[in-house]
């Protein structure tokens, strides 16, 4: 899946708050990839990095997988196809939620 081009439907745009955890602010766009079912039975979740404005949908390249050792699901990291990020740069963008999990970034 790393390197694949996918379409992310954004249900939590940059600048929004989590629908259940009202104090969790989304500094990046976050959504799901329609038609790909994750281990939790829901559509595959994805962080979008490298896009600096709220969007409703985004087509980009999967650049990393965030594997949660203490959860059943993984998160995909999607970015514009011409952009690259280090593990450290990815972590800085996703730590707002991943700090609560034992996560590793696979590139």
PDB file of N, CA and C in Angstrom:
ATOM      1  N   UNK A   1       0.797  -1.202   0.000  1.00  0.00           N
ATOM      2  CA  UNK A   1       0.000   0.000   0.000  1.00  0.00           C
ATOM      3  C   UNK A   1       0.838   1.263   0.000  1.00  0.00           C
ATOM      4  N   UNK A   2       2.048   1.235   0.596  1.00  0.00           N
ATOM      5  CA  UNK A   2       2.921   2.404   0.520  1.00  0.00           C
ATOM      6  C   UNK A   2       3.268   2.634  -0.949  1.00  0.00           C
ATOM      7  N   UNK A   3       3.112   3.873  -1.379  1.00  0.00           N
ATOM      8  CA  UNK A   3       3.354   4.220  -2.771  1.00  0.00           C
ATOM      9  C   UNK A   3       2.093   4.268  -3.610  1.00  0.00           C
ATOM     10  N   UNK A   4       0.994   3.701  -3.105  1.00  0.00           N
ATOM     11  CA  UNK A   4      -0.268   3.711  -3.854  1.00  0.00           C
ATOM     12  C   UNK A   4      -0.905   5.098  -3.823  1.00  0.00           C
ATOM     13  N   UNK A   5      -1.614   5.433  -4.885  1.00  0.00           N
ATOM     14  CA  UNK A   5      -2.392   6.671  -4.952  1.00  0.00           C
ATOM     15  C   UNK A   5      -3.806   6.352  -4.475  1.00  0.00           C
ATOM     16  N   UNK A   6      -4.296   7.132  -3.516  1.00  0.00           N
ATOM     17  CA  UNK A   6      -5.618   6.891  -2.938  1.00  0.00           C
ATOM     18  C   UNK A   6      -6.398   8.201  -2.836  1.00  0.00           C
ATOM     19  N   UNK A   7      -7.708   8.066  -2.709  1.00  0.00           N
ATOM     20  CA  UNK A   7      -8.580   9.223  -2.472  1.00  0.00           C
ATOM     21  C   UNK A   7      -9.060   9.155  -1.027  1.00  0.00           C
ATOM     22  N   UNK A   8      -8.824  10.241  -0.301  1.00  0.00           N
ATOM     23  CA  UNK A   8      -9.253  10.326   1.094  1.00  0.00           C
ATOM     24  C   UNK A   8     -10.471  11.242   1.169  1.00  0.00           C
ATOM     25  N   UNK A   9     -11.543  10.725   1.757  1.00  0.00           N
ATOM     26  CA  UNK A   9     -12.720  11.530   2.063  1.00  0.00           C
ATOM     27  C   UNK A   9     -12.506  12.108   3.461  1.00  0.00           C
ATOM     28  N   UNK A  10     -12.488  13.419   3.570  1.00  0.00           N
ATOM     29  CA  UNK A  10     -12.161  14.073   4.831  1.00  0.00           C
ATOM     30  C   UNK A  10     -13.431  14.278   5.650  1.00  0.00           C
ATOM     31  N   UNK A  11     -13.444  13.686   6.846  1.00  0.00           N
ATOM     32  CA  UNK A  11     -14.576  13.906   7.745  1.00  0.00           C
ATOM     33  C   UNK A  11     -14.175  14.728   8.969  1.00  0.00           C
ATOM     34  N   UNK A  12     -12.872  14.971   9.118  1.00  0.00           N
ATOM     35  CA  UNK A  12     -12.378  15.851  10.176  1.00  0.00           C
ATOM     36  C   UNK A  12     -11.344  16.792   9.538  1.00  0.00           C
ATOM     37  N   UNK A  13     -11.815  17.900   8.995  1.00  0.00           N
ATOM     38  CA  UNK A  13     -10.902  18.816   8.312  1.00  0.00           C
ATOM     39  C   UNK A  13      -9.987  19.554   9.292  1.00  0.00           C
ATOM     40  N   UNK A  14      -8.880  20.002   8.771  1.00  0.00           N
ATOM     41  CA  UNK A  14      -7.945  20.806   9.542  1.00  0.00           C
ATOM     42  C   UNK A  14      -8.708  21.936  10.228  1.00  0.00           C
ATOM     43  N   UNK A  15      -8.447  22.103  11.524  1.00  0.00           N
ATOM     44  CA  UNK A  15      -9.109  23.161  12.283  1.00  0.00           C
ATOM     45  C   UNK A  15     -10.368  22.729  12.999  1.00  0.00           C
ATOM     46  N   UNK A  16     -10.772  21.462  12.827  1.00  0.00           N
ATOM     47  CA  UNK A  16     -11.987  20.968  13.495  1.00  0.00           C
ATOM     48  C   UNK A  16     -11.614  20.238  14.783  1.00  0.00           C
ATOM     49  N   UNK A  17     -12.653  19.799  15.494  1.00  0.00           N
ATOM     50  CA  UNK A  17     -12.474  19.048  16.733  1.00  0.00           C
ATOM     51  C   UNK A  17     -13.115  17.682  16.593  1.00  0.00           C
ATOM     52  N   UNK A  18     -12.596  16.722  17.345  1.00  0.00           N
ATOM     53  CA  UNK A  18     -13.126  15.360  17.336  1.00  0.00           C
ATOM     54  C   UNK A  18     -14.583  15.394  17.786  1.00  0.00           C
ATOM     55  N   UNK A  19     -15.456  14.625  17.133  1.00  0.00           N
ATOM     56  CA  UNK A  19     -16.879  14.668  17.488  1.00  0.00           C
ATOM     57  C   UNK A  19     -17.196  14.151  18.894  1.00  0.00           C
ATOM     58  N   UNK A  20     -16.380  13.255  19.427  1.00  0.00           N
ATOM     59  CA  UNK A  20     -16.630  12.711  20.769  1.00  0.00           C
ATOM     60  C   UNK A  20     -15.684  13.288  21.820  1.00  0.00           C
ATOM     61  N   UNK A  21     -14.453  13.518  21.450  1.00  0.00           N
ATOM     62  CA  UNK A  21     -13.442  14.060  22.365  1.00  0.00           C
ATOM     63  C   UNK A  21     -13.263  15.537  22.031  1.00  0.00           C
ATOM     64  N   UNK A  22     -14.105  16.357  22.632  1.00  0.00           N
ATOM     65  CA  UNK A  22     -14.243  17.758  22.232  1.00  0.00           C
ATOM     66  C   UNK A  22     -12.970  18.587  22.409  1.00  0.00           C
ATOM     67  N   UNK A  23     -12.006  18.101  23.176  1.00  0.00           N
ATOM     68  CA  UNK A  23     -10.765  18.848  23.364  1.00  0.00           C
ATOM     69  C   UNK A  23      -9.685  18.447  22.355  1.00  0.00           C
ATOM     70  N   UNK A  24      -9.971  17.470  21.485  1.00  0.00           N
ATOM     71  CA  UNK A  24      -8.973  17.029  20.506  1.00  0.00           C
ATOM     72  C   UNK A  24      -9.121  17.834  19.220  1.00  0.00           C
ATOM     73  N   UNK A  25      -8.141  18.694  18.997  1.00  0.00           N
ATOM     74  CA  UNK A  25      -8.102  19.591  17.842  1.00  0.00           C
ATOM     75  C   UNK A  25      -7.328  18.920  16.710  1.00  0.00           C
ATOM     76  N   UNK A  26      -7.816  19.055  15.486  1.00  0.00           N
ATOM     77  CA  UNK A  26      -7.161  18.465  14.311  1.00  0.00           C
ATOM     78  C   UNK A  26      -6.337  19.531  13.578  1.00  0.00           C
ATOM     79  N   UNK A  27      -5.005  19.482  13.729  1.00  0.00           N
ATOM     80  CA  UNK A  27      -4.154  20.453  13.029  1.00  0.00           C
ATOM     81  C   UNK A  27      -3.891  20.061  11.569  1.00  0.00           C
ATOM     82  N   UNK A  28      -4.339  18.875  11.184  1.00  0.00           N
ATOM     83  CA  UNK A  28      -4.217  18.393   9.804  1.00  0.00           C
ATOM     84  C   UNK A  28      -5.559  17.798   9.388  1.00  0.00           C
ATOM     85  N   UNK A  29      -5.728  17.550   8.096  1.00  0.00           N
ATOM     86  CA  UNK A  29      -6.937  16.894   7.594  1.00  0.00           C
ATOM     87  C   UNK A  29      -6.867  15.399   7.898  1.00  0.00           C
ATOM     88  N   UNK A  30      -8.032  14.824   8.204  1.00  0.00           N
ATOM     89  CA  UNK A  30      -8.112  13.419   8.580  1.00  0.00           C
ATOM     90  C   UNK A  30      -9.393  12.842   7.993  1.00  0.00           C
ATOM     91  N   UNK A  31      -9.304  11.637   7.475  1.00  0.00           N
ATOM     92  CA  UNK A  31     -10.501  11.047   6.895  1.00  0.00           C
ATOM     93  C   UNK A  31     -10.349   9.558   6.684  1.00  0.00           C
ATOM     94  N   UNK A  32     -11.001   9.065   5.643  1.00  0.00           N
ATOM     95  CA  UNK A  32     -11.035   7.628   5.392  1.00  0.00           C
ATOM     96  C   UNK A  32     -10.957   7.354   3.896  1.00  0.00           C
ATOM     97  N   UNK A  33     -10.550   6.139   3.586  1.00  0.00           N
ATOM     98  CA  UNK A  33     -10.443   5.709   2.198  1.00  0.00           C
ATOM     99  C   UNK A  33     -11.605   4.763   1.927  1.00  0.00           C
ATOM    100  N   UNK A  34     -12.520   5.224   1.125  1.00  0.00           N
ATOM    101  CA  UNK A  34     -13.735   4.471   0.821  1.00  0.00           C
ATOM    102  C   UNK A  34     -13.393   3.148   0.135  1.00  0.00           C
ATOM    103  N   UNK A  35     -14.047   2.088   0.585  1.00  0.00           N
ATOM    104  CA  UNK A  35     -13.893   0.794  -0.065  1.00  0.00           C
ATOM    105  C   UNK A  35     -12.766  -0.072   0.475  1.00  0.00           C
ATOM    106  N   UNK A  36     -11.935   0.467   1.362  1.00  0.00           N
ATOM    107  CA  UNK A  36     -10.885  -0.338   1.989  1.00  0.00           C
ATOM    108  C   UNK A  36     -11.259  -0.492   3.456  1.00  0.00           C
ATOM    109  N   UNK A  37     -11.514  -1.720   3.857  1.00  0.00           N
ATOM    110  CA  UNK A  37     -11.953  -1.986   5.225  1.00  0.00           C
ATOM    111  C   UNK A  37     -10.754  -2.322   6.100  1.00  0.00           C
ATOM    112  N   UNK A  38     -10.640  -1.609   7.206  1.00  0.00           N
ATOM    113  CA  UNK A  38      -9.553  -1.797   8.163  1.00  0.00           C
ATOM    114  C   UNK A  38      -9.918  -2.915   9.144  1.00  0.00           C
ATOM    115  N   UNK A  39      -8.951  -3.367   9.947  1.00  0.00           N
ATOM    116  CA  UNK A  39      -9.223  -4.442  10.913  1.00  0.00           C
ATOM    117  C   UNK A  39     -10.318  -4.128  11.938  1.00  0.00           C
ATOM    118  N   UNK A  40     -10.634  -2.852  12.151  1.00  0.00           N
ATOM    119  CA  UNK A  40     -11.702  -2.513  13.093  1.00  0.00           C
ATOM    120  C   UNK A  40     -13.084  -2.612  12.459  1.00  0.00           C
ATOM    121  N   UNK A  41     -13.147  -3.006  11.179  1.00  0.00           N
ATOM    122  CA  UNK A  41     -14.420  -3.156  10.491  1.00  0.00           C
ATOM    123  C   UNK A  41     -14.926  -1.878   9.835  1.00  0.00           C
ATOM    124  N   UNK A  42     -14.227  -0.791  10.023  1.00  0.00           N
ATOM    125  CA  UNK A  42     -14.582   0.496   9.415  1.00  0.00           C
ATOM    126  C   UNK A  42     -13.664   0.742   8.215  1.00  0.00           C
ATOM    127  N   UNK A  43     -13.989   1.777   7.439  1.00  0.00           N
ATOM    128  CA  UNK A  43     -13.120   2.111   6.312  1.00  0.00           C
ATOM    129  C   UNK A  43     -11.781   2.645   6.826  1.00  0.00           C
ATOM    130  N   UNK A  44     -10.735   2.422   6.022  1.00  0.00           N
ATOM    131  CA  UNK A  44      -9.373   2.747   6.418  1.00  0.00           C
ATOM    132  C   UNK A  44      -9.199   4.233   6.715  1.00  0.00           C
ATOM    133  N   UNK A  45      -8.702   4.550   7.913  1.00  0.00           N
ATOM    134  CA  UNK A  45      -8.445   5.929   8.305  1.00  0.00           C
ATOM    135  C   UNK A  45      -7.139   6.422   7.707  1.00  0.00           C
ATOM    136  N   UNK A  46      -7.085   7.730   7.455  1.00  0.00           N
ATOM    137  CA  UNK A  46      -5.873   8.309   6.870  1.00  0.00           C
ATOM    138  C   UNK A  46      -5.650   9.726   7.361  1.00  0.00           C
ATOM    139  N   UNK A  47      -4.403  10.005   7.703  1.00  0.00           N
ATOM    140  CA  UNK A  47      -3.947  11.363   7.964  1.00  0.00           C
ATOM    141  C   UNK A  47      -3.473  11.939   6.631  1.00  0.00           C
ATOM    142  N   UNK A  48      -3.738  13.216   6.410  1.00  0.00           N
ATOM    143  CA  UNK A  48      -3.230  13.900   5.221  1.00  0.00           C
ATOM    144  C   UNK A  48      -2.216  14.928   5.701  1.00  0.00           C
ATOM    145  N   UNK A  49      -0.979  14.825   5.200  1.00  0.00           N
ATOM    146  CA  UNK A  49       0.015  15.825   5.546  1.00  0.00           C
ATOM    147  C   UNK A  49       0.518  16.500   4.270  1.00  0.00           C
ATOM    148  N   UNK A  50       1.052  17.697   4.431  1.00  0.00           N
ATOM    149  CA  UNK A  50       1.538  18.436   3.268  1.00  0.00           C
ATOM    150  C   UNK A  50       0.473  19.290   2.603  1.00  0.00           C
ATOM    151  N   UNK A  51      -0.701  19.349   3.193  1.00  0.00           N
ATOM    152  CA  UNK A  51      -1.805  20.177   2.694  1.00  0.00           C
ATOM    153  C   UNK A  51      -2.128  21.165   3.811  1.00  0.00           C
ATOM    154  N   UNK A  52      -2.003  22.436   3.525  1.00  0.00           N
ATOM    155  CA  UNK A  52      -2.082  23.445   4.584  1.00  0.00           C
ATOM    156  C   UNK A  52      -3.408  24.212   4.633  1.00  0.00           C
ATOM    157  N   UNK A  53      -4.483  23.561   4.166  1.00  0.00           N
ATOM    158  CA  UNK A  53      -5.807  24.170   4.255  1.00  0.00           C
ATOM    159  C   UNK A  53      -6.836  23.056   4.400  1.00  0.00           C
ATOM    160  N   UNK A  54      -7.991  23.360   4.998  1.00  0.00           N
ATOM    161  CA  UNK A  54      -9.031  22.340   5.110  1.00  0.00           C
ATOM    162  C   UNK A  54      -9.511  21.914   3.723  1.00  0.00           C
ATOM    163  N   UNK A  55      -9.712  20.610   3.544  1.00  0.00           N
ATOM    164  CA  UNK A  55     -10.222  20.082   2.276  1.00  0.00           C
ATOM    165  C   UNK A  55     -11.340  19.082   2.566  1.00  0.00           C
ATOM    166  N   UNK A  56     -12.179  18.809   1.570  1.00  0.00           N
ATOM    167  CA  UNK A  56     -13.247  17.824   1.703  1.00  0.00           C
ATOM    168  C   UNK A  56     -12.814  16.457   1.212  1.00  0.00           C
ATOM    169  N   UNK A  57     -11.911  16.449   0.233  1.00  0.00           N
ATOM    170  CA  UNK A  57     -11.344  15.202  -0.270  1.00  0.00           C
ATOM    171  C   UNK A  57      -9.963  15.499  -0.811  1.00  0.00           C
ATOM    172  N   UNK A  58      -9.162  14.440  -0.917  1.00  0.00           N
ATOM    173  CA  UNK A  58      -7.785  14.620  -1.339  1.00  0.00           C
ATOM    174  C   UNK A  58      -7.295  13.359  -2.024  1.00  0.00           C
ATOM    175  N   UNK A  59      -6.612  13.526  -3.141  1.00  0.00           N
ATOM    176  CA  UNK A  59      -5.976  12.395  -3.816  1.00  0.00           C
ATOM    177  C   UNK A  59      -4.474  12.563  -3.641  1.00  0.00           C
ATOM    178  N   UNK A  60      -3.846  11.545  -3.077  1.00  0.00           N
ATOM    179  CA  UNK A  60      -2.415  11.608  -2.832  1.00  0.00           C
ATOM    180  C   UNK A  60      -1.810  10.229  -2.698  1.00  0.00           C
ATOM    181  N   UNK A  61      -0.552  10.203  -2.312  1.00  0.00           N
ATOM    182  CA  UNK A  61       0.221   8.967  -2.220  1.00  0.00           C
ATOM    183  C   UNK A  61       0.350   8.539  -0.758  1.00  0.00           C
ATOM    184  N   UNK A  62       0.172   7.243  -0.516  1.00  0.00           N
ATOM    185  CA  UNK A  62       0.410   6.695   0.819  1.00  0.00           C
ATOM    186  C   UNK A  62       1.922   6.682   1.024  1.00  0.00           C
ATOM    187  N   UNK A  63       2.394   7.460   2.019  1.00  0.00           N
ATOM    188  CA  UNK A  63       3.837   7.552   2.250  1.00  0.00           C
ATOM    189  C   UNK A  63       4.282   6.794   3.501  1.00  0.00           C
ATOM    190  N   UNK A  64       3.332   6.412   4.346  1.00  0.00           N
ATOM    191  CA  UNK A  64       3.688   5.695   5.574  1.00  0.00           C
ATOM    192  C   UNK A  64       2.452   5.012   6.147  1.00  0.00           C
ATOM    193  N   UNK A  65       2.719   4.033   6.989  1.00  0.00           N
ATOM    194  CA  UNK A  65       1.678   3.358   7.764  1.00  0.00           C
ATOM    195  C   UNK A  65       2.030   3.558   9.232  1.00  0.00           C
ATOM    196  N   UNK A  66       1.048   3.961  10.013  1.00  0.00           N
ATOM    197  CA  UNK A  66       1.266   4.057  11.451  1.00  0.00           C
ATOM    198  C   UNK A  66       0.645   2.820  12.071  1.00  0.00           C
ATOM    199  N   UNK A  67       1.516   1.967  12.572  1.00  0.00           N
ATOM    200  CA  UNK A  67       1.093   0.712  13.195  1.00  0.00           C
ATOM    201  C   UNK A  67       0.938   0.948  14.691  1.00  0.00           C
ATOM    202  N   UNK A  68      -0.260   0.715  15.184  1.00  0.00           N
ATOM    203  CA  UNK A  68      -0.535   0.845  16.609  1.00  0.00           C
ATOM    204  C   UNK A  68      -0.383  -0.530  17.253  1.00  0.00           C
ATOM    205  N   UNK A  69       0.610  -0.659  18.097  1.00  0.00           N
ATOM    206  CA  UNK A  69       0.878  -1.936  18.751  1.00  0.00           C
ATOM    207  C   UNK A  69      -0.186  -2.278  19.789  1.00  0.00           C
ATOM    208  N   UNK A  70      -0.901  -1.272  20.279  1.00  0.00           N
ATOM    209  CA  UNK A  70      -1.897  -1.478  21.321  1.00  0.00           C
ATOM    210  C   UNK A  70      -3.327  -1.204  20.838  1.00  0.00           C
ATOM    211  N   UNK A  71      -3.548  -1.372  19.538  1.00  0.00           N
ATOM    212  CA  UNK A  71      -4.871  -1.146  18.955  1.00  0.00           C
ATOM    213  C   UNK A  71      -5.005  -2.065  17.742  1.00  0.00           C
ATOM    214  N   UNK A  72      -6.225  -2.300  17.282  1.00  0.00           N
ATOM    215  CA  UNK A  72      -6.417  -3.203  16.143  1.00  0.00           C
ATOM    216  C   UNK A  72      -6.224  -2.521  14.796  1.00  0.00           C
ATOM    217  N   UNK A  73      -6.258  -1.192  14.782  1.00  0.00           N
ATOM    218  CA  UNK A  73      -6.196  -0.522  13.491  1.00  0.00           C
ATOM    219  C   UNK A  73      -4.854   0.151  13.234  1.00  0.00           C
ATOM    220  N   UNK A  74      -4.620   0.393  11.958  1.00  0.00           N
ATOM    221  CA  UNK A  74      -3.474   1.160  11.515  1.00  0.00           C
ATOM    222  C   UNK A  74      -4.005   2.423  10.845  1.00  0.00           C
ATOM    223  N   UNK A  75      -3.189   3.439  10.819  1.00  0.00           N
ATOM    224  CA  UNK A  75      -3.542   4.677  10.129  1.00  0.00           C
ATOM    225  C   UNK A  75      -2.594   4.827   8.951  1.00  0.00           C
ATOM    226  N   UNK A  76      -3.115   5.234   7.819  1.00  0.00           N
ATOM    227  CA  UNK A  76      -2.276   5.501   6.663  1.00  0.00           C
ATOM    228  C   UNK A  76      -1.961   6.988   6.635  1.00  0.00           C
ATOM    229  N   UNK A  77      -0.772   7.323   6.162  1.00  0.00           N
ATOM    230  CA  UNK A  77      -0.370   8.717   6.012  1.00  0.00           C
ATOM    231  C   UNK A  77      -0.297   9.002   4.524  1.00  0.00           C
ATOM    232  N   UNK A  78      -1.066   9.996   4.086  1.00  0.00           N
ATOM    233  CA  UNK A  78      -1.183  10.339   2.666  1.00  0.00           C
ATOM    234  C   UNK A  78      -0.678  11.767   2.473  1.00  0.00           C
ATOM    235  N   UNK A  79       0.085  11.969   1.404  1.00  0.00           N
ATOM    236  CA  UNK A  79       0.660  13.281   1.113  1.00  0.00           C
ATOM    237  C   UNK A  79       0.612  13.537  -0.392  1.00  0.00           C
ATOM    238  N   UNK A  80       0.796  14.792  -0.797  1.00  0.00           N
ATOM    239  CA  UNK A  80       0.920  15.058  -2.239  1.00  0.00           C
ATOM    240  C   UNK A  80       2.027  14.182  -2.820  1.00  0.00           C
ATOM    241  N   UNK A  81       1.808  13.655  -4.012  1.00  0.00           N
ATOM    242  CA  UNK A  81       2.717  12.662  -4.584  1.00  0.00           C
ATOM    243  C   UNK A  81       4.136  13.176  -4.781  1.00  0.00           C
ATOM    244  N   UNK A  82       4.312  14.485  -4.891  1.00  0.00           N
ATOM    245  CA  UNK A  82       5.653  15.024  -5.103  1.00  0.00           C
ATOM    246  C   UNK A  82       6.387  15.332  -3.796  1.00  0.00           C
ATOM    247  N   UNK A  83       5.755  15.107  -2.650  1.00  0.00           N
ATOM    248  CA  UNK A  83       6.356  15.458  -1.361  1.00  0.00           C
ATOM    249  C   UNK A  83       6.835  14.221  -0.621  1.00  0.00           C
ATOM    250  N   UNK A  84       7.911  14.402   0.135  1.00  0.00           N
ATOM    251  CA  UNK A  84       8.443  13.348   0.992  1.00  0.00           C
ATOM    252  C   UNK A  84       8.638  13.901   2.392  1.00  0.00           C
ATOM    253  N   UNK A  85       8.491  13.036   3.375  1.00  0.00           N
ATOM    254  CA  UNK A  85       8.645  13.424   4.772  1.00  0.00           C
ATOM    255  C   UNK A  85       9.460  12.363   5.498  1.00  0.00           C
ATOM    256  N   UNK A  86      10.238  12.787   6.490  1.00  0.00           N
ATOM    257  CA  UNK A  86      10.968  11.843   7.337  1.00  0.00           C
ATOM    258  C   UNK A  86      10.012  11.294   8.393  1.00  0.00           C
ATOM    259  N   UNK A  87      10.423  10.225   9.063  1.00  0.00           N
ATOM    260  CA  UNK A  87       9.610   9.686  10.159  1.00  0.00           C
ATOM    261  C   UNK A  87       9.380  10.746  11.228  1.00  0.00           C
ATOM    262  N   UNK A  88      10.407  11.535  11.507  1.00  0.00           N
ATOM    263  CA  UNK A  88      10.291  12.582  12.517  1.00  0.00           C
ATOM    264  C   UNK A  88       9.270  13.641  12.103  1.00  0.00           C
ATOM    265  N   UNK A  89       9.286  14.029  10.847  1.00  0.00           N
ATOM    266  CA  UNK A  89       8.318  15.017  10.361  1.00  0.00           C
ATOM    267  C   UNK A  89       6.899  14.465  10.404  1.00  0.00           C
ATOM    268  N   UNK A  90       6.746  13.192  10.060  1.00  0.00           N
ATOM    269  CA  UNK A  90       5.417  12.558  10.130  1.00  0.00           C
ATOM    270  C   UNK A  90       4.944  12.538  11.567  1.00  0.00           C
ATOM    271  N   UNK A  91       5.814  12.129  12.488  1.00  0.00           N
ATOM    272  CA  UNK A  91       5.437  12.053  13.898  1.00  0.00           C
ATOM    273  C   UNK A  91       4.976  13.414  14.413  1.00  0.00           C
ATOM    274  N   UNK A  92       5.689  14.489  14.043  1.00  0.00           N
ATOM    275  CA  UNK A  92       5.289  15.832  14.474  1.00  0.00           C
ATOM    276  C   UNK A  92       3.873  16.171  14.031  1.00  0.00           C
ATOM    277  N   UNK A  93       3.473  15.699  12.850  1.00  0.00           N
ATOM    278  CA  UNK A  93       2.148  16.013  12.310  1.00  0.00           C
ATOM    279  C   UNK A  93       1.029  15.183  12.935  1.00  0.00           C
ATOM    280  N   UNK A  94       1.333  13.938  13.341  1.00  0.00           N
ATOM    281  CA  UNK A  94       0.276  13.029  13.807  1.00  0.00           C
ATOM    282  C   UNK A  94       0.283  12.798  15.321  1.00  0.00           C
ATOM    283  N   UNK A  95       1.237  13.349  16.022  1.00  0.00           N
ATOM    284  CA  UNK A  95       1.357  13.079  17.452  1.00  0.00           C
ATOM    285  C   UNK A  95       0.170  13.577  18.273  1.00  0.00           C
ATOM    286  N   UNK A  96      -0.627  14.493  17.701  1.00  0.00           N
ATOM    287  CA  UNK A  96      -1.790  14.993  18.441  1.00  0.00           C
ATOM    288  C   UNK A  96      -2.739  13.863  18.831  1.00  0.00           C
ATOM    289  N   UNK A  97      -2.771  12.778  18.058  1.00  0.00           N
ATOM    290  CA  UNK A  97      -3.554  11.613  18.464  1.00  0.00           C
ATOM    291  C   UNK A  97      -2.671  10.412  18.777  1.00  0.00           C
ATOM    292  N   UNK A  98      -1.607  10.234  18.038  1.00  0.00           N
ATOM    293  CA  UNK A  98      -0.777   9.040  18.220  1.00  0.00           C
ATOM    294  C   UNK A  98      -0.037   9.029  19.548  1.00  0.00           C
ATOM    295  N   UNK A  99       0.062  10.169  20.223  1.00  0.00           N
ATOM    296  CA  UNK A  99       0.707  10.206  21.537  1.00  0.00           C
ATOM    297  C   UNK A  99      -0.025   9.334  22.561  1.00  0.00           C
ATOM    298  N   UNK A 100      -1.274   9.002  22.290  1.00  0.00           N
ATOM    299  CA  UNK A 100      -2.064   8.198  23.212  1.00  0.00           C
ATOM    300  C   UNK A 100      -1.928   6.694  22.946  1.00  0.00           C
ATOM    301  N   UNK A 101      -1.142   6.323  21.946  1.00  0.00           N
ATOM    302  CA  UNK A 101      -0.974   4.925  21.551  1.00  0.00           C
ATOM    303  C   UNK A 101       0.506   4.567  21.499  1.00  0.00           C
ATOM    304  N   UNK A 102       0.773   3.278  21.510  1.00  0.00           N
ATOM    305  CA  UNK A 102       2.138   2.786  21.309  1.00  0.00           C
ATOM    306  C   UNK A 102       2.259   2.544  19.799  1.00  0.00           C
ATOM    307  N   UNK A 103       2.731   3.575  19.095  1.00  0.00           N
ATOM    308  CA  UNK A 103       2.724   3.555  17.634  1.00  0.00           C
ATOM    309  C   UNK A 103       4.138   3.520  17.074  1.00  0.00           C
ATOM    310  N   UNK A 104       4.233   2.918  15.876  1.00  0.00           N
ATOM    311  CA  UNK A 104       5.474   2.994  15.127  1.00  0.00           C
ATOM    312  C   UNK A 104       5.128   3.386  13.696  1.00  0.00           C
ATOM    313  N   UNK A 105       6.031   4.132  13.068  1.00  0.00           N
ATOM    314  CA  UNK A 105       5.830   4.605  11.703  1.00  0.00           C
ATOM    315  C   UNK A 105       6.620   3.713  10.766  1.00  0.00           C
ATOM    316  N   UNK A 106       5.941   3.151   9.773  1.00  0.00           N
ATOM    317  CA  UNK A 106       6.571   2.308   8.775  1.00  0.00           C
ATOM    318  C   UNK A 106       6.579   3.065   7.454  1.00  0.00           C
ATOM    319  N   UNK A 107       7.767   3.250   6.886  1.00  0.00           N
ATOM    320  CA  UNK A 107       7.868   3.961   5.614  1.00  0.00           C
ATOM    321  C   UNK A 107       8.415   3.034   4.548  1.00  0.00           C
TER     322      UNK A 107
END
